């Protein structure tokens, strides 16, 4: 019974394997050279500075969400520890907005405030300290509303609380 022969000459097989090895090594060297940027939460865009302005959305929709669900917890999607709450106080969707950190400036990541709907306040899970719905006493962030009714939060504006 005849045996099928490989149509590619051995030199071609070696060249293909060599090219695959070179591509694998080049990819590995690139990833190693970018490792500091890939693991730095502030540089997830491979060296480009992220936009410090978070566009939360339309105030009418956001106010309805807060009225229905309570303050909105916005986790730090960059993997850092800058989780924030967005809360609305009052009946006017164009006013009464507050954005603030979920933990006091000196607290560990395990400690954070949680919304207590029964008392309409935030309670620190480590110290039982109570904070008002405005987040007074926690590091706050600047909130603004543009002419179209869209709310933005300046993530670079955090004060000490």
Protein backbone atom coordinates (compact mmCIF):
# COMPACT_ATOMS: atom_id res chain seq x y z
CA UNK A 1 0.00 0.00 0.00
CA UNK A 2 1.51 3.35 -0.99
CA UNK A 3 2.23 5.93 1.72
CA UNK A 4 1.29 9.57 1.04
CA UNK A 5 4.26 11.84 0.87
CA UNK A 6 4.41 15.25 2.51
CA UNK A 7 4.26 17.80 -0.29
CA UNK A 8 6.21 20.50 1.59
CA UNK A 9 9.96 20.19 1.41
CA UNK A 10 11.70 19.94 4.83
CA UNK A 11 13.30 23.39 4.45
CA UNK A 12 9.86 24.96 4.10
CA UNK A 13 8.63 23.24 7.27
CA UNK A 14 11.66 24.54 9.17
CA UNK A 15 11.05 28.07 7.85
CA UNK A 16 7.41 28.02 8.96
CA UNK A 17 8.36 26.75 12.42
CA UNK A 18 11.09 29.39 12.64
CA UNK A 19 8.67 32.17 11.68
CA UNK A 20 6.19 30.98 14.30
CA UNK A 21 8.93 30.97 16.95
CA UNK A 22 10.05 34.50 15.99
CA UNK A 23 6.46 35.81 16.16
CA UNK A 24 5.93 34.19 19.59
CA UNK A 25 9.16 35.67 20.95
CA UNK A 26 8.37 39.13 19.51
CA UNK A 27 4.94 39.08 21.16
CA UNK A 28 6.48 37.99 24.46
CA UNK A 29 9.11 40.75 24.36
CA UNK A 30 6.42 43.34 23.59
CA UNK A 31 4.26 42.22 26.51
CA UNK A 32 7.23 42.24 28.89
CA UNK A 33 8.22 45.75 27.74
CA UNK A 34 4.65 46.95 28.37
CA UNK A 35 4.15 45.10 31.66
CA UNK A 36 4.56 48.16 33.86
CA UNK A 37 1.85 49.94 31.89
CA UNK A 38 -0.42 46.89 31.74
CA UNK A 39 -0.38 46.46 35.52
CA UNK A 40 -0.61 50.16 36.42
CA UNK A 41 -4.33 50.92 37.02
CA UNK A 42 -3.82 54.54 36.00
CA UNK A 43 -2.31 53.54 32.64
CA UNK A 44 -4.65 50.93 31.25
CA UNK A 45 -4.55 52.70 27.91
CA UNK A 46 -0.87 51.70 27.43
CA UNK A 47 0.67 54.98 28.44
CA UNK A 48 -2.04 57.41 27.43
CA UNK A 49 -3.56 59.48 30.24
CA UNK A 50 -7.19 58.46 30.87
CA UNK A 51 -9.90 61.10 30.79
CA UNK A 52 -10.55 62.29 34.36
CA UNK A 53 -14.13 63.26 33.44
CA UNK A 54 -16.72 60.52 33.91
CA UNK A 55 -19.90 61.06 31.91
CA UNK A 56 -22.61 59.55 34.10
CA UNK A 57 -25.57 60.29 31.84
CA UNK A 58 -28.78 62.30 31.67
CA UNK A 59 -29.90 63.81 35.00
CA UNK A 60 -33.57 62.93 34.51
CA UNK A 61 -32.76 59.23 34.02
CA UNK A 62 -30.16 59.27 36.82
CA UNK A 63 -32.56 60.99 39.25
CA UNK A 64 -35.21 58.34 38.49
CA UNK A 65 -32.64 55.57 39.07
CA UNK A 66 -31.54 57.05 42.42
CA UNK A 67 -35.17 57.52 43.52
CA UNK A 68 -35.92 53.89 42.69
CA UNK A 69 -32.66 52.15 43.68
CA UNK A 70 -30.92 54.50 46.10
CA UNK A 71 -27.46 56.06 45.61
CA UNK A 72 -25.58 54.64 42.65
CA UNK A 73 -22.34 52.81 43.45
CA UNK A 74 -19.80 53.41 40.68
CA UNK A 75 -16.87 50.99 41.04
CA UNK A 76 -13.41 51.98 39.85
CA UNK A 77 -13.31 50.08 36.58
CA UNK A 78 -9.57 50.59 36.29
CA UNK A 79 -9.10 48.14 39.13
CA UNK A 80 -8.07 50.79 41.61
CA UNK A 81 -9.68 51.78 44.85
CA UNK A 82 -11.50 54.93 43.77
CA UNK A 83 -15.05 53.57 44.03
CA UNK A 84 -17.59 56.37 44.36
CA UNK A 85 -21.25 56.97 45.13
CA UNK A 86 -23.46 59.26 43.08
CA UNK A 87 -26.47 60.51 45.01
CA UNK A 88 -29.31 62.90 44.31
CA UNK A 89 -31.10 64.84 47.04
CA UNK A 90 -34.33 66.74 46.38
CA UNK A 91 -36.97 66.88 43.65
CA UNK A 92 -35.11 68.97 41.04
CA UNK A 93 -33.12 66.72 38.68
CA UNK A 94 -30.94 69.70 37.71
CA UNK A 95 -29.70 70.26 41.29
CA UNK A 96 -28.81 68.33 44.42
CA UNK A 97 -26.18 65.99 42.99
CA UNK A 98 -23.32 64.65 45.12
CA UNK A 99 -20.42 62.37 44.19
CA UNK A 100 -18.04 61.12 46.85
CA UNK A 101 -15.68 58.29 47.76
CA UNK A 102 -17.13 55.16 49.33
CA UNK A 103 -14.49 55.22 52.06
CA UNK A 104 -12.84 57.84 54.24
CA UNK A 105 -9.44 58.99 52.95
CA UNK A 106 -7.45 56.90 55.44
CA UNK A 107 -9.60 53.74 55.38
CA UNK A 108 -8.49 50.40 53.96
CA UNK A 109 -10.21 48.85 50.95
CA UNK A 110 -12.11 46.54 53.32
CA UNK A 111 -13.80 49.52 54.96
CA UNK A 112 -16.50 51.41 53.07
CA UNK A 113 -19.78 53.15 53.59
CA UNK A 114 -23.05 51.44 52.76
CA UNK A 115 -26.41 53.05 52.12
CA UNK A 116 -28.98 52.42 54.84
CA UNK A 117 -32.42 53.17 53.36
CA UNK A 118 -34.10 52.95 56.77
CA UNK A 119 -32.14 55.97 58.05
CA UNK A 120 -31.43 57.57 54.65
CA UNK A 121 -27.74 57.72 55.52
CA UNK A 122 -24.43 56.02 54.81
CA UNK A 123 -22.85 53.85 57.51
CA UNK A 124 -19.15 52.90 57.64
CA UNK A 125 -18.95 49.10 57.90
CA UNK A 126 -15.77 49.25 60.02
CA UNK A 127 -16.40 52.15 62.42
CA UNK A 128 -20.21 52.53 62.29
CA UNK A 129 -19.69 56.23 61.55
CA UNK A 130 -22.83 57.69 59.98
CA UNK A 131 -22.64 60.07 57.00
CA UNK A 132 -25.51 62.15 55.54
CA UNK A 133 -26.94 61.51 52.04
CA UNK A 134 -24.69 64.29 50.71
CA UNK A 135 -21.59 62.31 51.72
CA UNK A 136 -20.36 65.20 53.88
CA UNK A 137 -17.24 64.02 55.69
CA UNK A 138 -16.11 61.77 52.82
CA UNK A 139 -13.80 62.85 49.97
CA UNK A 140 -16.08 64.60 47.47
CA UNK A 141 -15.83 65.06 43.71
CA UNK A 142 -16.97 67.96 41.55
CA UNK A 143 -20.23 67.34 39.70
CA UNK A 144 -21.51 69.43 36.80
CA UNK A 145 -24.49 69.38 34.45
CA UNK A 146 -24.20 70.63 30.86
CA UNK A 147 -26.82 72.39 28.74
CA UNK A 148 -28.14 69.03 27.46
CA UNK A 149 -28.81 67.80 31.00
CA UNK A 150 -25.88 65.40 31.10
CA UNK A 151 -24.09 64.95 34.42
CA UNK A 152 -20.30 64.63 34.60
CA UNK A 153 -18.03 63.85 37.55
CA UNK A 154 -14.48 65.19 37.70
CA UNK A 155 -12.52 62.22 39.05
CA UNK A 156 -9.40 64.36 39.51
CA UNK A 157 -11.17 66.82 41.82
CA UNK A 158 -11.32 64.70 44.99
CA UNK A 159 -10.91 66.68 48.18
CA UNK A 160 -10.07 65.18 51.54
CA UNK A 161 -13.60 65.12 52.93
